[in-house]
Protein backbone atom coordinates (compact mmCIF):
# COMPACT_ATOMS: atom_id res chain seq x y z
CA MET A 1 0.00 0.00 0.00
CA ILE A 2 1.49 3.32 -1.11
CA GLY A 3 2.26 5.60 1.82
CA LEU A 4 2.04 2.92 4.54
CA THR A 5 5.24 2.91 6.58
CA LEU A 6 6.72 1.03 9.53
CA LYS A 7 6.20 4.22 11.52
CA HIS A 8 2.44 3.97 10.97
CA MET A 9 2.52 0.33 12.05
CA ARG A 10 4.54 0.99 15.21
CA TYR A 11 2.39 3.94 16.22
CA PHE A 12 -0.81 1.96 15.73
CA LYS A 13 0.59 -1.01 17.63
CA SER A 14 1.40 1.30 20.55
CA LEU A 15 -2.13 2.72 20.47
CA ALA A 16 -3.61 -0.80 20.32
CA THR A 17 -1.46 -1.79 23.31
CA HIS A 18 -2.27 1.19 25.54
CA LEU A 19 -5.75 2.07 24.20
CA HIS A 20 -4.96 5.62 25.25
CA PHE A 21 -3.57 8.34 22.98
CA GLY A 22 -1.56 10.04 25.72
CA ARG A 23 0.19 6.87 26.97
CA ALA A 24 0.72 5.57 23.43
CA ALA A 25 2.27 8.88 22.35
CA GLU A 26 4.55 8.87 25.40
CA ALA A 27 5.68 5.31 24.61
CA CYS A 28 6.49 6.42 21.05
CA ALA A 29 8.29 9.56 22.24
CA ILE A 30 6.04 11.86 20.18
CA SER A 31 3.33 14.37 21.03
CA GLN A 32 -0.30 13.33 21.30
CA PRO A 33 -1.37 15.60 18.40
CA ALA A 34 1.35 14.05 16.22
CA LEU A 35 0.09 10.55 17.04
CA SER A 36 -3.50 11.57 16.29
CA LEU A 37 -2.39 12.93 12.91
CA GLN A 38 -0.55 9.71 12.08
CA MET A 39 -3.63 7.66 12.95
CA LYS A 40 -5.84 9.85 10.77
CA GLU A 41 -3.43 9.33 7.89
CA LEU A 42 -3.46 5.58 8.47
CA GLU A 43 -7.26 5.40 8.64
CA ALA A 44 -7.45 7.40 5.39
CA MET A 45 -5.10 4.92 3.70
CA LEU A 46 -7.04 1.91 5.00
CA GLY A 47 -10.41 3.46 4.25
CA GLY A 48 -11.96 2.89 7.66
CA GLN A 49 -11.88 3.62 11.38
CA LEU A 50 -9.34 1.72 13.50
CA VAL A 51 -10.42 2.76 17.02
CA GLU A 52 -13.69 3.78 18.62
CA ARG A 53 -14.51 5.54 21.89
CA THR A 54 -17.31 4.37 24.15
CA GLY A 55 -17.57 6.90 26.94
CA ARG A 56 -14.09 7.10 28.44
CA LYS A 57 -13.01 3.73 27.06
CA MET A 58 -11.34 3.07 23.74
CA HIS A 59 -11.43 -0.18 21.79
CA LEU A 60 -10.33 -1.44 18.40
CA THR A 61 -12.81 -1.74 15.57
CA THR A 62 -13.02 -4.94 13.50
CA LEU A 63 -10.71 -3.29 10.96
CA GLY A 64 -8.34 -2.33 13.77
CA GLU A 65 -8.24 -5.90 15.11
CA ASP A 66 -7.60 -7.30 11.62
CA PHE A 67 -4.90 -4.73 10.86
CA LEU A 68 -3.17 -5.38 14.20
CA GLY A 69 -3.11 -9.11 13.50
CA ARG A 70 -1.48 -8.51 10.10
CA ILE A 71 1.24 -6.10 11.26
CA GLN A 72 2.38 -7.84 14.45
CA ASP A 73 4.36 -10.53 12.64
CA ILE A 74 5.82 -7.92 10.28
CA LEU A 75 7.09 -5.82 13.17
CA VAL A 76 8.57 -8.83 14.98
CA ARG A 77 10.47 -9.78 11.82
CA VAL A 78 11.69 -6.22 11.32
CA ASP A 79 12.91 -6.10 14.93
CA ASP A 80 14.72 -9.41 14.40
CA LEU A 81 16.44 -7.99 11.30
CA GLU A 82 17.53 -4.92 13.27
CA GLU A 83 18.89 -7.16 16.01
CA LEU A 84 20.74 -9.23 13.40
CA VAL A 85 22.51 -6.09 12.19
CA ARG A 86 23.34 -5.08 15.76
CA SER A 87 24.66 -8.56 16.57
CA SER A 88 27.33 -8.19 13.87
CA LYS A 89 28.83 -5.18 15.67
CA ASP A 90 31.21 -5.22 18.60
CA GLY A 91 29.52 -4.71 21.94
CA LEU A 92 25.90 -3.76 22.40
CA THR A 93 24.61 -0.56 20.84
CA GLY A 94 21.29 1.11 20.09
CA ARG A 95 18.08 0.59 22.04
CA LEU A 96 17.65 -2.02 24.77
CA ARG A 97 14.08 -2.29 26.11
CA LEU A 98 14.41 -3.94 29.50
CA GLY A 99 11.38 -4.94 31.56
CA ILE A 100 11.57 -5.64 35.28
CA ILE A 101 9.09 -6.69 37.97
CA PRO A 102 8.12 -4.12 40.67
CA THR A 103 9.56 -6.19 43.54
CA ALA A 104 13.02 -5.98 41.97
CA ALA A 105 13.05 -2.68 40.08
CA PRO A 106 13.77 -0.20 42.94
CA TYR A 107 16.64 -2.31 44.27
CA LEU A 108 18.30 -3.53 41.06
CA LEU A 109 17.56 -0.97 38.37
CA PRO A 110 19.85 1.90 39.51
CA GLY A 111 22.85 -0.43 39.61
CA ILE A 112 21.92 -2.03 36.28
CA ILE A 113 21.70 1.36 34.58
CA GLN A 114 25.10 2.44 35.93
CA THR A 115 26.74 -0.85 35.01
CA LEU A 116 25.38 -0.99 31.46
CA ASN A 117 26.24 2.67 30.86
CA THR A 118 29.82 1.88 31.85
CA TYR A 119 30.24 -1.24 29.72
CA PHE A 120 28.10 -0.15 26.76
CA PRO A 121 28.36 3.65 26.41
CA ASP A 122 26.50 3.59 23.08
CA LEU A 123 23.56 1.69 24.53
CA GLU A 124 20.21 3.45 24.95
CA LEU A 125 18.55 1.66 27.87
CA GLN A 126 14.76 1.93 28.04
CA PRO A 127 13.58 0.33 31.33
CA ARG A 128 9.95 -0.54 31.97
CA GLU A 129 8.48 -1.72 35.27
CA SER A 130 5.44 -4.00 35.21
CA VAL A 131 4.03 -7.25 36.56
CA THR A 132 5.20 -10.55 35.11
CA GLN A 133 2.23 -11.26 32.84
CA SER A 134 2.48 -7.86 31.19
CA LEU A 135 6.23 -8.26 30.70
CA LEU A 136 5.73 -11.67 29.08
CA GLU A 137 3.10 -10.33 26.70
CA ASN A 138 5.35 -7.44 25.68
CA LEU A 139 8.33 -9.73 25.27
CA MET A 140 6.41 -12.19 23.10
CA SER A 141 5.06 -9.36 20.93
CA SER A 142 8.55 -7.83 20.55
CA ASN A 143 7.71 -4.72 22.58
CA LEU A 144 10.54 -5.67 24.97
CA ASP A 145 13.99 -7.14 24.31
CA VAL A 146 14.67 -8.70 27.72
CA ALA A 147 12.92 -8.89 31.09
CA ILE A 148 13.98 -9.53 34.67
CA VAL A 149 11.45 -11.73 36.45
CA ALA A 150 11.13 -14.53 38.98
CA LEU A 151 11.95 -17.92 37.45
CA PRO A 152 10.87 -20.35 36.20
CA ILE A 153 8.67 -19.02 33.41
CA SER A 154 8.61 -22.29 31.44
CA GLU A 155 7.74 -20.72 28.09
CA PRO A 156 9.32 -22.83 25.27
CA SER A 157 10.07 -19.81 23.07
CA LEU A 158 11.95 -17.94 25.81
CA ARG A 159 15.45 -18.44 27.15
CA GLU A 160 15.96 -18.23 30.91
CA PHE A 161 19.19 -17.02 32.55
CA ALA A 162 19.30 -17.32 36.35
CA LEU A 163 20.84 -14.28 38.03
CA PHE A 164 20.64 -15.06 41.76
CA ASN A 165 18.57 -16.64 44.51
CA GLU A 166 17.21 -14.75 47.49
CA GLU A 167 15.29 -15.63 50.64
CA PHE A 168 12.03 -14.16 51.92
CA TYR A 169 12.07 -12.58 55.38
CA LEU A 170 9.30 -12.01 57.89
CA VAL A 171 8.63 -8.39 58.87
CA ARG A 172 6.65 -7.77 62.08
CA PRO A 173 6.05 -4.82 64.44
CA SER A 174 9.15 -4.15 66.54
CA ILE A 175 7.31 -5.06 69.76
CA GLU A 176 7.23 -8.67 68.49
CA ALA A 177 11.02 -8.92 68.17
CA ASP A 178 11.34 -11.44 71.02
CA MET A 179 8.48 -13.64 69.86
CA PRO A 180 9.18 -16.98 68.13
CA VAL A 181 9.27 -16.95 64.34
CA PRO A 182 5.94 -18.43 63.17
CA SER A 183 5.79 -21.46 60.96
CA ALA A 184 4.02 -21.49 57.62
CA ALA A 185 1.04 -23.10 59.32
CA THR A 186 0.92 -20.37 61.97
CA LEU A 187 1.07 -17.66 59.30
CA LYS A 188 -2.31 -18.84 58.07
CA THR A 189 -3.90 -17.53 61.25
CA MET A 190 -2.11 -14.16 61.26
CA GLN A 191 -3.05 -10.81 59.73
CA LEU A 192 -0.99 -10.97 56.53
CA LEU A 193 -0.18 -8.01 54.34
CA LEU A 194 0.48 -8.99 50.74
CA LEU A 195 0.80 -7.33 47.36
CA GLU A 196 -2.21 -6.97 45.09
CA GLU A 197 -3.17 -9.74 42.69
CA GLY A 198 -1.00 -9.86 39.58
CA HIS A 199 2.31 -9.71 41.46
CA CYS A 200 4.24 -12.98 41.30
CA PHE A 201 5.71 -12.27 44.75
CA ARG A 202 2.19 -12.42 46.19
CA ASP A 203 1.71 -15.89 44.69
CA GLN A 204 5.07 -17.05 46.06
CA ALA A 205 4.22 -15.82 49.55
CA LEU A 206 0.81 -17.49 49.44
CA SER A 207 2.42 -20.71 48.29
CA PHE A 208 4.80 -20.69 51.27
CA CYS A 209 1.88 -20.07 53.60
CA GLU A 210 0.03 -22.93 51.89
CA LEU A 211 -2.77 -20.57 50.95
CA SER A 212 -2.63 -20.90 47.17
CA GLY A 213 -6.09 -20.78 45.67
CA ALA A 214 -7.62 -19.73 48.99
CA LYS A 215 -9.03 -16.36 49.99
CA PRO A 216 -8.46 -16.16 53.74
CA LYS A 217 -10.14 -13.38 55.72
CA HIS A 218 -6.89 -12.29 57.33
CA ILE A 219 -5.19 -11.01 54.16
CA MET A 220 -4.84 -7.30 53.42
CA GLU A 221 -3.40 -5.98 50.16
CA GLY A 222 -0.97 -3.21 49.27
CA SER A 223 0.40 -1.78 46.04
CA SER A 224 4.10 -1.89 46.95
CA LEU A 225 6.53 -3.47 49.40
CA SER A 226 7.15 -0.04 50.90
CA THR A 227 3.45 0.34 51.70
CA LEU A 228 3.30 -3.10 53.29
CA VAL A 229 6.30 -2.47 55.56
CA GLN A 230 4.98 0.91 56.68
CA LEU A 231 1.63 -0.67 57.56
CA VAL A 232 3.44 -3.33 59.57
CA GLY A 233 5.29 -0.56 61.40
CA ALA A 234 1.90 0.94 62.26
CA GLY A 235 0.96 -2.33 63.95
CA ILE A 236 -1.23 -3.76 61.20
CA GLY A 237 -0.16 -7.39 60.80
CA ALA A 238 2.99 -8.88 59.29
CA THR A 239 4.40 -9.33 55.81
CA LEU A 240 7.04 -11.15 53.79
CA ILE A 241 9.59 -9.28 51.69
CA PRO A 242 12.51 -10.42 49.53
CA GLU A 243 16.05 -10.14 50.84
CA MET A 244 17.13 -7.41 48.40
CA ALA A 245 14.40 -5.10 49.73
CA LEU A 246 15.42 -5.35 53.40
CA PRO A 247 17.99 -2.51 53.65
CA TYR A 248 15.71 -0.15 51.73
CA GLU A 249 12.27 -0.80 53.17
CA THR A 250 12.92 -1.52 56.85
CA ARG A 251 15.33 1.28 57.76
CA SER A 252 12.64 3.90 58.37
CA ALA A 253 9.89 1.68 59.77
CA ASP A 254 9.26 0.56 63.35
CA VAL A 255 9.59 -3.12 62.50
CA CYS A 256 11.70 -6.17 63.25
CA VAL A 257 12.98 -8.71 60.73
CA ALA A 258 13.21 -12.46 61.22
CA ARG A 259 14.61 -15.31 59.13
CA PHE A 260 12.43 -18.37 58.71
CA SER A 261 13.60 -21.82 59.73
CA LYS A 262 13.99 -24.49 57.07
CA PRO A 263 12.50 -24.86 54.56
CA VAL A 264 13.26 -21.20 53.97
CA PRO A 265 11.01 -19.54 51.36
CA SER A 266 12.98 -18.11 48.44
CA ARG A 267 12.85 -17.19 44.77
CA THR A 268 15.17 -17.16 41.77
CA ILE A 269 15.52 -13.88 39.90
CA GLY A 270 16.51 -14.26 36.27
CA MET A 271 16.57 -12.65 32.86
CA ILE A 272 14.53 -13.89 29.91
CA TRP A 273 14.46 -13.14 26.18
CA ARG A 274 13.20 -14.68 22.95
CA LYS A 275 15.27 -17.68 21.85
CA ALA A 276 15.05 -16.48 18.25
CA SER A 277 16.79 -13.18 19.05
CA PRO A 278 20.08 -12.72 17.16
CA LEU A 279 21.35 -10.79 20.20
CA SER A 280 21.24 -13.83 22.47
CA ASP A 281 25.04 -13.81 23.03
CA GLN A 282 24.97 -10.11 23.94
CA PHE A 283 22.08 -10.71 26.34
CA MET A 284 24.13 -13.43 28.01
CA THR A 285 26.85 -10.84 28.58
CA VAL A 286 24.30 -8.43 30.05
CA GLY A 287 23.04 -11.21 32.32
CA ALA A 288 26.56 -11.98 33.52
CA LEU A 289 27.12 -8.29 34.36
CA ILE A 290 23.88 -8.12 36.36
CA GLN A 291 24.79 -11.39 38.05
CA ASN A 292 28.14 -9.94 39.13
CA LEU A 293 26.42 -6.74 40.29
CA ALA A 294 24.07 -8.78 42.49
CA LYS A 295 27.03 -10.65 44.03
CA GLN A 296 28.75 -7.37 44.86
CA LYS A 297 25.62 -5.97 46.52
CA SER A 298 25.22 -9.21 48.47
CA SER A 299 28.82 -9.16 49.74
CA VAL A 300 28.48 -5.53 50.82
CA GLY A 301 25.28 -6.30 52.71
CA ALA A 302 26.73 -9.41 54.37
């Protein structure tokens, strides 16, 4: 089709992903009016409307759904070609879209950015924080290059690279410092503060407490680990947090920290990417750098 460009396809894919002109424009690093103009041009070329508004909500039309299905494979193949060109160069250059889960981002991301800037000065790192399911969807649709998540993912088309293991710790009000550490069975009866649904760390904590699939009355939810710890400090229940979060989240809260007896709950943090990516060797190098960074942070905290 004369006039149809990859730019039109990428902009529409962003709009279809976010279903919001402002967020889609921000993701594309253009203004909202510019995105609107590009979509009007695209609709004129296709001869029909791609998106509709119903009240405050936006959804794709039948034409929009069909067009999205046709262009997704094209964009994945174009991204693979771009990665093939980049893989032939020394080092890692250009854009690297890195996703990371919220329970790791505040504690790992600053160090990752500094490390990658040092080793790959020509790299443009574009980090994105989101829950695991969203990261997987974006990785599979080529909207992300790599993601840092809790393993295993067990997706045949993705490669997994383990970075480090970490334990979960119990955080309680400071007045409970001398009390015995509760067992998993005892935790069932306590007022537990956990992350909202969608966070893999919530599922891991529930699994340790043998509450998977259950909806106990004693669970309260929070949007971040920081919120949970502050609520514990206010005397509202107890929570579990990963080891890397301890020095950040507990220093300003009136809480005590305890290590569980065996079997100690833990998780494996790793990096994943598409097996078909021509940059797989470079991603292995990135993984090794992050792995070394995590070891350094662990030795300092020991």
